[in-house]
All heavy atoms as atom14 arrays in JSON, in Angstrom:
{
  "sequence": "IDNNSIYLFEIDGVNFFLLININVEEEEKWKYETILMLRDANPMWKV",
  "atom14_mask": [
    [1, 1, 1, 1, 1, 1, 1, 1, 0, 0, 0, 0, 0, 0],
    [1, 1, 1, 1, 1, 1, 1, 1, 0, 0, 0, 0, 0, 0],
    [1, 1, 1, 1, 1, 1, 1, 1, 0, 0, 0, 0, 0, 0],
    [1, 1, 1, 1, 1, 1, 1, 1, 0, 0, 0, 0, 0, 0],
    [1, 1, 1, 1, 1, 1, 0, 0, 0, 0, 0, 0, 0, 0],
    [1, 1, 1, 1, 1, 1, 1, 1, 0, 0, 0, 0, 0, 0],
    [1, 1, 1, 1, 1, 1, 1, 1, 1, 1, 1, 1, 0, 0],
    [1, 1, 1, 1, 1, 1, 1, 1, 0, 0, 0, 0, 0, 0],
    [1, 1, 1, 1, 1, 1, 1, 1, 1, 1, 1, 0, 0, 0],
    [1, 1, 1, 1, 1, 1, 1, 1, 1, 0, 0, 0, 0, 0],
    [1, 1, 1, 1, 1, 1, 1, 1, 0, 0, 0, 0, 0, 0],
    [1, 1, 1, 1, 1, 1, 1, 1, 0, 0, 0, 0, 0, 0],
    [1, 1, 1, 1, 0, 0, 0, 0, 0, 0, 0, 0, 0, 0],
    [1, 1, 1, 1, 1, 1, 1, 0, 0, 0, 0, 0, 0, 0],
    [1, 1, 1, 1, 1, 1, 1, 1, 0, 0, 0, 0, 0, 0],
    [1, 1, 1, 1, 1, 1, 1, 1, 1, 1, 1, 0, 0, 0],
    [1, 1, 1, 1, 1, 1, 1, 1, 1, 1, 1, 0, 0, 0],
    [1, 1, 1, 1, 1, 1, 1, 1, 0, 0, 0, 0, 0, 0],
    [1, 1, 1, 1, 1, 1, 1, 1, 0, 0, 0, 0, 0, 0],
    [1, 1, 1, 1, 1, 1, 1, 1, 0, 0, 0, 0, 0, 0],
    [1, 1, 1, 1, 1, 1, 1, 1, 0, 0, 0, 0, 0, 0],
    [1, 1, 1, 1, 1, 1, 1, 1, 0, 0, 0, 0, 0, 0],
    [1, 1, 1, 1, 1, 1, 1, 1, 0, 0, 0, 0, 0, 0],
    [1, 1, 1, 1, 1, 1, 1, 0, 0, 0, 0, 0, 0, 0],
    [1, 1, 1, 1, 1, 1, 1, 1, 1, 0, 0, 0, 0, 0],
    [1, 1, 1, 1, 1, 1, 1, 1, 1, 0, 0, 0, 0, 0],
    [1, 1, 1, 1, 1, 1, 1, 1, 1, 0, 0, 0, 0, 0],
    [1, 1, 1, 1, 1, 1, 1, 1, 1, 0, 0, 0, 0, 0],
    [1, 1, 1, 1, 1, 1, 1, 1, 1, 0, 0, 0, 0, 0],
    [1, 1, 1, 1, 1, 1, 1, 1, 1, 1, 1, 1, 1, 1],
    [1, 1, 1, 1, 1, 1, 1, 1, 1, 0, 0, 0, 0, 0],
    [1, 1, 1, 1, 1, 1, 1, 1, 1, 1, 1, 1, 0, 0],
    [1, 1, 1, 1, 1, 1, 1, 1, 1, 0, 0, 0, 0, 0],
    [1, 1, 1, 1, 1, 1, 1, 0, 0, 0, 0, 0, 0, 0],
    [1, 1, 1, 1, 1, 1, 1, 1, 0, 0, 0, 0, 0, 0],
    [1, 1, 1, 1, 1, 1, 1, 1, 0, 0, 0, 0, 0, 0],
    [1, 1, 1, 1, 1, 1, 1, 1, 0, 0, 0, 0, 0, 0],
    [1, 1, 1, 1, 1, 1, 1, 1, 0, 0, 0, 0, 0, 0],
    [1, 1, 1, 1, 1, 1, 1, 1, 1, 1, 1, 0, 0, 0],
    [1, 1, 1, 1, 1, 1, 1, 1, 0, 0, 0, 0, 0, 0],
    [1, 1, 1, 1, 1, 0, 0, 0, 0, 0, 0, 0, 0, 0],
    [1, 1, 1, 1, 1, 1, 1, 1, 0, 0, 0, 0, 0, 0],
    [1, 1, 1, 1, 1, 1, 1, 0, 0, 0, 0, 0, 0, 0],
    [1, 1, 1, 1, 1, 1, 1, 1, 0, 0, 0, 0, 0, 0],
    [1, 1, 1, 1, 1, 1, 1, 1, 1, 1, 1, 1, 1, 1],
    [1, 1, 1, 1, 1, 1, 1, 1, 1, 0, 0, 0, 0, 0],
    [1, 1, 1, 1, 1, 1, 1, 0, 0, 0, 0, 0, 0, 0]
  ],
  "atom14_positions": [
    [[0.81, -1.18, -0.04], [0.01, 0.02, 0.05], [0.82, 1.26, -0.05], [0.56, 2.25, -0.62], [-0.98, -0.04, 1.2], [-2.06, -1.13, 0.99], [-1.54, 1.36, 1.44], [-3.13, -1.11, 2.07], [0.0, 0.0, 0.0], [0.0, 0.0, 0.0], [0.0, 0.0, 0.0], [0.0, 0.0, 0.0], [0.0, 0.0, 0.0], [0.0, 0.0, 0.0]],
    [[2.03, 1.21, 0.62], [2.89, 2.36, 0.69], [3.25, 2.92, -0.73], [3.3, 4.14, -0.92], [4.26, 2.01, 1.32], [4.08, 1.95, 2.88], [2.97, 2.06, 3.34], [5.05, 1.75, 3.61], [0.0, 0.0, 0.0], [0.0, 0.0, 0.0], [0.0, 0.0, 0.0], [0.0, 0.0, 0.0], [0.0, 0.0, 0.0], [0.0, 0.0, 0.0]],
    [[3.45, 1.96, -1.64], [3.88, 2.35, -3.0], [2.63, 2.57, -3.95], [2.85, 2.78, -5.09], [4.87, 1.37, -3.55], [6.16, 1.32, -2.86], [6.69, 2.37, -2.56], [6.75, 0.16, -2.64], [0.0, 0.0, 0.0], [0.0, 0.0, 0.0], [0.0, 0.0, 0.0], [0.0, 0.0, 0.0], [0.0, 0.0, 0.0], [0.0, 0.0, 0.0]],
    [[1.52, 2.38, -3.38], [0.22, 2.49, -4.23], [-0.7, 3.46, -3.52], [-1.94, 3.28, -3.67], [-0.42, 1.14, -4.42], [0.37, 0.24, -5.42], [0.31, 0.48, -6.57], [1.14, -0.67, -4.83], [0.0, 0.0, 0.0], [0.0, 0.0, 0.0], [0.0, 0.0, 0.0], [0.0, 0.0, 0.0], [0.0, 0.0, 0.0], [0.0, 0.0, 0.0]],
    [[-0.17, 4.42, -2.89], [-1.05, 5.47, -2.26], [-0.4, 6.89, -2.56], [0.79, 7.02, -2.61], [-1.21, 5.25, -0.78], [0.1, 5.19, -0.13], [0.0, 0.0, 0.0], [0.0, 0.0, 0.0], [0.0, 0.0, 0.0], [0.0, 0.0, 0.0], [0.0, 0.0, 0.0], [0.0, 0.0, 0.0], [0.0, 0.0, 0.0], [0.0, 0.0, 0.0]],
    [[-1.3, 7.81, -2.67], [-0.82, 9.24, -3.0], [-1.38, 10.12, -1.97], [-2.63, 10.1, -1.7], [-1.29, 9.69, -4.36], [-0.79, 8.74, -5.53], [-0.87, 11.09, -4.69], [-1.42, 8.98, -6.89], [0.0, 0.0, 0.0], [0.0, 0.0, 0.0], [0.0, 0.0, 0.0], [0.0, 0.0, 0.0], [0.0, 0.0, 0.0], [0.0, 0.0, 0.0]],
    [[-0.57, 10.98, -1.31], [-1.05, 11.89, -0.36], [-1.93, 12.94, -1.1], [-1.5, 13.51, -2.1], [0.1, 12.63, 0.36], [-0.35, 13.77, 1.27], [-1.04, 13.52, 2.43], [-0.12, 15.08, 0.89], [-1.46, 14.51, 3.28], [-0.56, 16.14, 1.69], [-1.26, 15.85, 2.86], [-1.7, 16.91, 3.63], [0.0, 0.0, 0.0], [0.0, 0.0, 0.0]],
    [[-3.11, 13.23, -0.52], [-4.03, 14.19, -1.09], [-4.04, 15.49, -0.33], [-3.76, 16.53, -0.87], [-5.43, 13.56, -1.13], [-5.59, 12.31, -2.02], [-7.08, 11.84, -1.96], [-5.21, 12.53, -3.39], [0.0, 0.0, 0.0], [0.0, 0.0, 0.0], [0.0, 0.0, 0.0], [0.0, 0.0, 0.0], [0.0, 0.0, 0.0], [0.0, 0.0, 0.0]],
    [[-4.54, 15.44, 0.97], [-4.67, 16.67, 1.81], [-4.81, 16.25, 3.22], [-4.92, 15.11, 3.53], [-5.95, 17.46, 1.24], [-7.14, 16.6, 1.07], [-7.95, 16.24, 2.14], [-7.51, 16.2, -0.17], [-9.03, 15.48, 2.0], [-8.65, 15.41, -0.36], [-9.4, 15.08, 0.72], [0.0, 0.0, 0.0], [0.0, 0.0, 0.0], [0.0, 0.0, 0.0]],
    [[-4.94, 17.27, 4.04], [-5.1, 17.13, 5.49], [-6.32, 17.98, 5.98], [-6.41, 19.07, 5.51], [-3.86, 17.54, 6.28], [-3.99, 17.63, 7.74], [-2.85, 18.35, 8.47], [-1.72, 18.33, 7.84], [-3.06, 18.9, 9.45], [0.0, 0.0, 0.0], [0.0, 0.0, 0.0], [0.0, 0.0, 0.0], [0.0, 0.0, 0.0], [0.0, 0.0, 0.0]],
    [[-7.11, 17.43, 6.76], [-8.22, 18.14, 7.38], [-8.07, 18.04, 8.89], [-8.25, 16.98, 9.45], [-9.62, 17.63, 6.94], [-9.79, 17.86, 5.37], [-10.68, 18.43, 7.7], [-11.17, 17.44, 4.87], [0.0, 0.0, 0.0], [0.0, 0.0, 0.0], [0.0, 0.0, 0.0], [0.0, 0.0, 0.0], [0.0, 0.0, 0.0], [0.0, 0.0, 0.0]],
    [[-7.7, 19.11, 9.5], [-7.51, 19.22, 10.94], [-6.71, 18.08, 11.55], [-7.13, 17.42, 12.53], [-8.92, 19.26, 11.59], [-9.12, 20.6, 12.39], [-8.69, 21.65, 11.95], [-9.62, 20.43, 13.53], [0.0, 0.0, 0.0], [0.0, 0.0, 0.0], [0.0, 0.0, 0.0], [0.0, 0.0, 0.0], [0.0, 0.0, 0.0], [0.0, 0.0, 0.0]],
    [[-5.57, 17.86, 10.95], [-4.63, 16.86, 11.41], [-4.87, 15.49, 10.95], [-4.12, 14.58, 11.21], [0.0, 0.0, 0.0], [0.0, 0.0, 0.0], [0.0, 0.0, 0.0], [0.0, 0.0, 0.0], [0.0, 0.0, 0.0], [0.0, 0.0, 0.0], [0.0, 0.0, 0.0], [0.0, 0.0, 0.0], [0.0, 0.0, 0.0], [0.0, 0.0, 0.0]],
    [[-5.98, 15.27, 10.19], [-6.2, 13.93, 9.62], [-5.7, 13.87, 8.14], [-6.21, 14.66, 7.31], [-7.74, 13.52, 9.55], [-8.03, 12.25, 8.97], [-8.29, 13.66, 10.98], [0.0, 0.0, 0.0], [0.0, 0.0, 0.0], [0.0, 0.0, 0.0], [0.0, 0.0, 0.0], [0.0, 0.0, 0.0], [0.0, 0.0, 0.0], [0.0, 0.0, 0.0]],
    [[-4.8, 12.99, 7.88], [-4.24, 12.87, 6.53], [-5.07, 11.93, 5.65], [-5.56, 10.84, 6.12], [-2.8, 12.33, 6.58], [-1.87, 13.33, 7.24], [-1.92, 14.5, 6.92], [-0.96, 12.8, 8.02], [0.0, 0.0, 0.0], [0.0, 0.0, 0.0], [0.0, 0.0, 0.0], [0.0, 0.0, 0.0], [0.0, 0.0, 0.0], [0.0, 0.0, 0.0]],
    [[-5.27, 12.32, 4.43], [-6.04, 11.5, 3.47], [-5.14, 11.12, 2.29], [-4.44, 11.95, 1.73], [-7.25, 12.27, 2.93], [-8.35, 12.42, 3.98], [-8.32, 13.5, 4.89], [-9.38, 11.57, 4.0], [-9.27, 13.63, 5.86], [-10.4, 11.7, 4.93], [-10.34, 12.74, 5.89], [0.0, 0.0, 0.0], [0.0, 0.0, 0.0], [0.0, 0.0, 0.0]],
    [[-5.16, 9.82, 1.96], [-4.41, 9.3, 0.85], [-5.36, 8.62, -0.15], [-6.3, 7.96, 0.22], [-3.34, 8.23, 1.37], [-2.21, 8.82, 2.05], [-2.35, 9.3, 3.36], [-0.94, 8.97, 1.37], [-1.19, 9.84, 4.04], [0.16, 9.51, 2.03], [0.01, 9.93, 3.38], [0.0, 0.0, 0.0], [0.0, 0.0, 0.0], [0.0, 0.0, 0.0]],
    [[-5.0, 8.72, -1.4], [-5.76, 8.01, -2.43], [-5.0, 6.67, -2.72], [-3.85, 6.6, -2.96], [-5.79, 8.87, -3.74], [-6.46, 8.28, -4.95], [-7.98, 8.2, -4.7], [-6.17, 9.11, -6.2], [0.0, 0.0, 0.0], [0.0, 0.0, 0.0], [0.0, 0.0, 0.0], [0.0, 0.0, 0.0], [0.0, 0.0, 0.0], [0.0, 0.0, 0.0]],
    [[-5.86, 5.58, -2.71], [-5.27, 4.27, -2.98], [-5.45, 4.0, -4.44], [-6.52, 4.15, -5.04], [-6.04, 3.21, -2.18], [-5.38, 1.79, -2.21], [-4.03, 1.79, -1.55], [-6.39, 0.78, -1.49], [0.0, 0.0, 0.0], [0.0, 0.0, 0.0], [0.0, 0.0, 0.0], [0.0, 0.0, 0.0], [0.0, 0.0, 0.0], [0.0, 0.0, 0.0]],
    [[-4.37, 3.59, -5.13], [-4.35, 3.27, -6.56], [-3.76, 1.88, -6.83], [-3.1, 1.34, -6.01], [-3.51, 4.34, -7.34], [-2.04, 4.32, -6.85], [-4.11, 5.77, -7.18], [-1.15, 5.21, -7.67], [0.0, 0.0, 0.0], [0.0, 0.0, 0.0], [0.0, 0.0, 0.0], [0.0, 0.0, 0.0], [0.0, 0.0, 0.0], [0.0, 0.0, 0.0]],
    [[-4.18, 1.42, -7.97], [-3.61, 0.09, -8.43], [-3.91, -1.09, -7.56], [-3.31, -2.13, -7.82], [-2.11, 0.17, -8.67], [-1.78, 1.34, -9.64], [-2.42, 1.6, -10.59], [-0.6, 1.99, -9.35], [0.0, 0.0, 0.0], [0.0, 0.0, 0.0], [0.0, 0.0, 0.0], [0.0, 0.0, 0.0], [0.0, 0.0, 0.0], [0.0, 0.0, 0.0]],
    [[-4.8, -0.98, -6.65], [-5.18, -2.11, -5.8], [-6.67, -2.23, -5.77], [-7.37, -1.29, -5.43], [-4.65, -1.92, -4.33], [-3.15, -1.95, -4.31], [-5.17, -3.08, -3.42], [-2.52, -1.7, -2.93], [0.0, 0.0, 0.0], [0.0, 0.0, 0.0], [0.0, 0.0, 0.0], [0.0, 0.0, 0.0], [0.0, 0.0, 0.0], [0.0, 0.0, 0.0]],
    [[-7.15, -3.41, -6.14], [-8.65, -3.67, -6.16], [-9.1, -4.09, -4.84], [-8.67, -5.18, -4.31], [-8.95, -4.75, -7.19], [-10.48, -4.95, -7.33], [-11.23, -4.04, -7.16], [-10.74, -6.22, -7.64], [0.0, 0.0, 0.0], [0.0, 0.0, 0.0], [0.0, 0.0, 0.0], [0.0, 0.0, 0.0], [0.0, 0.0, 0.0], [0.0, 0.0, 0.0]],
    [[-9.9, -3.3, -4.14], [-10.43, -3.56, -2.78], [-11.9, -3.99, -2.91], [-12.7, -3.25, -3.41], [-10.25, -2.32, -1.88], [-10.85, -2.68, -0.52], [-8.8, -1.96, -1.73], [0.0, 0.0, 0.0], [0.0, 0.0, 0.0], [0.0, 0.0, 0.0], [0.0, 0.0, 0.0], [0.0, 0.0, 0.0], [0.0, 0.0, 0.0], [0.0, 0.0, 0.0]],
    [[-12.17, -5.15, -2.44], [-13.53, -5.67, -2.5], [-14.36, -5.18, -1.28], [-13.9, -4.85, -0.26], [-13.57, -7.21, -2.51], [-12.84, -7.79, -3.69], [-13.45, -7.59, -5.01], [-14.74, -7.28, -4.93], [-12.77, -7.68, -6.03], [0.0, 0.0, 0.0], [0.0, 0.0, 0.0], [0.0, 0.0, 0.0], [0.0, 0.0, 0.0], [0.0, 0.0, 0.0]],
    [[-15.7, -5.18, -1.47], [-16.61, -4.82, -0.4], [-16.6, -5.95, 0.62], [-16.31, -7.09, 0.31], [-18.07, -4.62, -0.95], [-18.27, -3.39, -1.73], [-19.77, -3.29, -2.08], [-20.43, -4.3, -2.24], [-20.23, -2.12, -2.13], [0.0, 0.0, 0.0], [0.0, 0.0, 0.0], [0.0, 0.0, 0.0], [0.0, 0.0, 0.0], [0.0, 0.0, 0.0]],
    [[-16.89, -5.56, 1.8], [-17.13, -6.57, 2.92], [-18.19, -6.04, 3.82], [-18.85, -4.99, 3.54], [-15.81, -6.84, 3.66], [-15.14, -5.56, 4.21], [-13.86, -5.9, 4.86], [-12.85, -6.11, 4.16], [-13.82, -5.93, 6.1], [0.0, 0.0, 0.0], [0.0, 0.0, 0.0], [0.0, 0.0, 0.0], [0.0, 0.0, 0.0], [0.0, 0.0, 0.0]],
    [[-18.47, -6.73, 4.94], [-19.6, -6.36, 5.77], [-19.46, -4.91, 6.29], [-20.45, -4.19, 6.34], [-19.64, -7.3, 6.95], [-20.88, -6.98, 7.87], [-20.95, -8.01, 9.03], [-20.17, -8.98, 9.06], [-21.8, -7.82, 9.87], [0.0, 0.0, 0.0], [0.0, 0.0, 0.0], [0.0, 0.0, 0.0], [0.0, 0.0, 0.0], [0.0, 0.0, 0.0]],
    [[-18.27, -4.5, 6.65], [-18.02, -3.2, 7.21], [-17.92, -2.1, 6.16], [-18.26, -0.95, 6.42], [-16.74, -3.25, 8.08], [-16.5, -1.95, 8.85], [-15.22, -2.17, 9.71], [-14.92, -0.94, 10.51], [-13.72, -1.07, 11.38], [0.0, 0.0, 0.0], [0.0, 0.0, 0.0], [0.0, 0.0, 0.0], [0.0, 0.0, 0.0], [0.0, 0.0, 0.0]],
    [[-17.36, -2.4, 5.01], [-17.1, -1.43, 3.93], [-17.91, -1.67, 2.7], [-17.92, -2.77, 2.21], [-15.6, -1.45, 3.62], [-14.68, -1.35, 4.84], [-13.88, -2.35, 5.32], [-14.5, -0.19, 5.67], [-13.25, -1.91, 6.42], [-13.6, -0.58, 6.61], [-14.95, 1.12, 5.66], [-13.11, 0.3, 7.57], [-14.52, 1.96, 6.59], [-13.65, 1.57, 7.59]],
    [[-18.6, -0.64, 2.27], [-19.42, -0.77, 0.98], [-19.12, 0.44, 0.1], [-18.85, 1.54, 0.58], [-20.88, -0.72, 1.42], [-21.35, -1.81, 2.38], [-21.31, -3.23, 1.77], [-21.84, -4.26, 2.71], [-21.68, -5.63, 2.16], [0.0, 0.0, 0.0], [0.0, 0.0, 0.0], [0.0, 0.0, 0.0], [0.0, 0.0, 0.0], [0.0, 0.0, 0.0]],
    [[-19.19, 0.23, -1.21], [-19.01, 1.23, -2.13], [-20.33, 2.06, -2.26], [-21.42, 1.49, -2.34], [-18.64, 0.74, -3.54], [-17.15, 0.37, -3.59], [-16.75, -0.99, -3.53], [-16.19, 1.35, -3.8], [-15.43, -1.29, -3.58], [-14.87, 1.04, -3.91], [-14.5, -0.35, -3.78], [-13.16, -0.66, -3.86], [0.0, 0.0, 0.0], [0.0, 0.0, 0.0]],
    [[-20.27, 3.34, -2.24], [-21.38, 4.23, -2.38], [-21.09, 5.25, -3.4], [-19.95, 5.8, -3.55], [-21.62, 4.95, -1.07], [-22.88, 5.89, -1.01], [-24.11, 5.17, -1.27], [-24.49, 4.31, -0.44], [-24.79, 5.42, -2.28], [0.0, 0.0, 0.0], [0.0, 0.0, 0.0], [0.0, 0.0, 0.0], [0.0, 0.0, 0.0], [0.0, 0.0, 0.0]],
    [[-22.13, 5.55, -4.26], [-21.89, 6.55, -5.31], [-21.64, 7.96, -4.68], [-22.33, 8.36, -3.81], [-23.17, 6.71, -6.13], [-23.48, 5.43, -6.71], [-22.98, 7.68, -7.26], [0.0, 0.0, 0.0], [0.0, 0.0, 0.0], [0.0, 0.0, 0.0], [0.0, 0.0, 0.0], [0.0, 0.0, 0.0], [0.0, 0.0, 0.0], [0.0, 0.0, 0.0]],
    [[-20.46, 8.63, -5.13], [-20.09, 9.85, -4.5], [-21.25, 10.89, -4.61], [-21.46, 11.65, -3.68], [-18.82, 10.32, -5.25], [-17.68, 9.39, -4.87], [-18.51, 11.7, -4.71], [-16.37, 9.7, -5.6], [0.0, 0.0, 0.0], [0.0, 0.0, 0.0], [0.0, 0.0, 0.0], [0.0, 0.0, 0.0], [0.0, 0.0, 0.0], [0.0, 0.0, 0.0]],
    [[-21.93, 10.92, -5.76], [-23.02, 11.92, -5.9], [-24.07, 11.74, -4.89], [-24.7, 12.72, -4.42], [-23.64, 11.8, -7.32], [-24.63, 12.82, -7.69], [-24.13, 14.28, -7.63], [-25.23, 12.56, -9.06], [0.0, 0.0, 0.0], [0.0, 0.0, 0.0], [0.0, 0.0, 0.0], [0.0, 0.0, 0.0], [0.0, 0.0, 0.0], [0.0, 0.0, 0.0]],
    [[-24.33, 10.53, -4.39], [-25.45, 10.23, -3.48], [-25.02, 10.59, -2.04], [-25.81, 10.51, -1.14], [-25.76, 8.79, -3.51], [-26.32, 8.32, -4.87], [-27.6, 9.44, -5.55], [-28.99, 9.02, -4.45], [0.0, 0.0, 0.0], [0.0, 0.0, 0.0], [0.0, 0.0, 0.0], [0.0, 0.0, 0.0], [0.0, 0.0, 0.0], [0.0, 0.0, 0.0]],
    [[-23.77, 11.04, -1.86], [-23.32, 11.48, -0.51], [-23.72, 12.93, -0.2], [-23.33, 13.41, 0.81], [-21.78, 11.3, -0.39], [-21.22, 9.88, -0.47], [-19.67, 9.93, -0.3], [-21.81, 9.03, 0.59], [0.0, 0.0, 0.0], [0.0, 0.0, 0.0], [0.0, 0.0, 0.0], [0.0, 0.0, 0.0], [0.0, 0.0, 0.0], [0.0, 0.0, 0.0]],
    [[-24.35, 13.6, -1.12], [-24.69, 14.98, -0.94], [-25.43, 15.23, 0.37], [-25.24, 16.27, 0.98], [-25.59, 15.4, -2.1], [-24.93, 15.5, -3.48], [-25.97, 15.74, -4.51], [-26.48, 17.15, -4.4], [-26.31, 18.12, -5.1], [-25.55, 18.0, -6.18], [-26.88, 19.34, -4.94], [0.0, 0.0, 0.0], [0.0, 0.0, 0.0], [0.0, 0.0, 0.0]],
    [[-26.19, 14.29, 0.84], [-27.02, 14.45, 2.04], [-26.41, 13.65, 3.24], [-27.18, 13.53, 4.22], [-28.48, 14.01, 1.76], [-29.14, 14.78, 0.66], [-28.87, 16.04, 0.6], [-29.87, 14.25, -0.1], [0.0, 0.0, 0.0], [0.0, 0.0, 0.0], [0.0, 0.0, 0.0], [0.0, 0.0, 0.0], [0.0, 0.0, 0.0], [0.0, 0.0, 0.0]],
    [[-25.19, 13.16, 3.1], [-24.62, 12.37, 4.18], [-24.04, 13.36, 5.25], [-23.94, 14.53, 5.12], [-23.54, 11.44, 3.64], [0.0, 0.0, 0.0], [0.0, 0.0, 0.0], [0.0, 0.0, 0.0], [0.0, 0.0, 0.0], [0.0, 0.0, 0.0], [0.0, 0.0, 0.0], [0.0, 0.0, 0.0], [0.0, 0.0, 0.0], [0.0, 0.0, 0.0]],
    [[-23.55, 12.73, 6.35], [-22.97, 13.44, 7.45], [-21.77, 12.68, 7.98], [-21.68, 11.45, 7.81], [-23.96, 13.5, 8.65], [-25.13, 14.47, 8.37], [-24.89, 15.66, 8.03], [-26.39, 13.93, 8.33], [0.0, 0.0, 0.0], [0.0, 0.0, 0.0], [0.0, 0.0, 0.0], [0.0, 0.0, 0.0], [0.0, 0.0, 0.0], [0.0, 0.0, 0.0]],
    [[-20.81, 13.45, 8.57], [-20.7, 14.85, 8.74], [-20.26, 15.54, 7.38], [-19.64, 14.86, 6.55], [-19.73, 15.05, 9.82], [-18.79, 13.89, 9.67], [-19.62, 12.74, 9.21], [0.0, 0.0, 0.0], [0.0, 0.0, 0.0], [0.0, 0.0, 0.0], [0.0, 0.0, 0.0], [0.0, 0.0, 0.0], [0.0, 0.0, 0.0], [0.0, 0.0, 0.0]],
    [[-20.44, 16.84, 7.27], [-20.21, 17.55, 6.01], [-18.68, 17.5, 5.63], [-18.41, 17.32, 4.46], [-20.73, 18.97, 6.12], [-20.5, 19.76, 4.83], [-21.52, 19.14, 3.46], [-23.19, 19.61, 4.04], [0.0, 0.0, 0.0], [0.0, 0.0, 0.0], [0.0, 0.0, 0.0], [0.0, 0.0, 0.0], [0.0, 0.0, 0.0], [0.0, 0.0, 0.0]],
    [[-17.83, 17.56, 6.64], [-16.4, 17.64, 6.32], [-15.93, 16.34, 5.74], [-15.07, 16.32, 4.84], [-15.58, 18.03, 7.53], [-15.4, 16.95, 8.55], [-16.2, 16.7, 9.63], [-14.33, 15.97, 8.68], [-15.72, 15.66, 10.38], [-14.62, 15.26, 9.82], [-13.19, 15.77, 7.95], [-13.67, 14.23, 10.26], [-12.29, 14.75, 8.35], [-12.55, 13.97, 9.47]],
    [[-16.57, 15.24, 6.1], [-16.18, 13.97, 5.38], [-16.75, 13.84, 4.03], [-16.16, 13.21, 3.11], [-16.65, 12.79, 6.26], [-15.78, 12.66, 7.59], [-16.16, 11.46, 8.4], [-15.32, 11.29, 9.68], [-15.68, 10.17, 10.52], [0.0, 0.0, 0.0], [0.0, 0.0, 0.0], [0.0, 0.0, 0.0], [0.0, 0.0, 0.0], [0.0, 0.0, 0.0]],
    [[-17.96, 14.4, 3.79], [-18.5, 14.47, 2.43], [-17.6, 15.25, 1.58], [-17.36, 14.93, 0.43], [-19.94, 15.13, 2.46], [-20.41, 15.23, 1.0], [-20.9, 14.25, 3.26], [0.0, 0.0, 0.0], [0.0, 0.0, 0.0], [0.0, 0.0, 0.0], [0.0, 0.0, 0.0], [0.0, 0.0, 0.0], [0.0, 0.0, 0.0], [0.0, 0.0, 0.0]]
  ]
}
């Protein structure tokens, strides 16, 4: 993952990285959601 992630930005001390070149499957805890449908999600800073 170290060589397949790109630093994006920081929000209040939390670093965000984009994962590339690795196919991650859904599981019970993690699901893919359409980005456009997150318009009404919470909290706003994570949207």
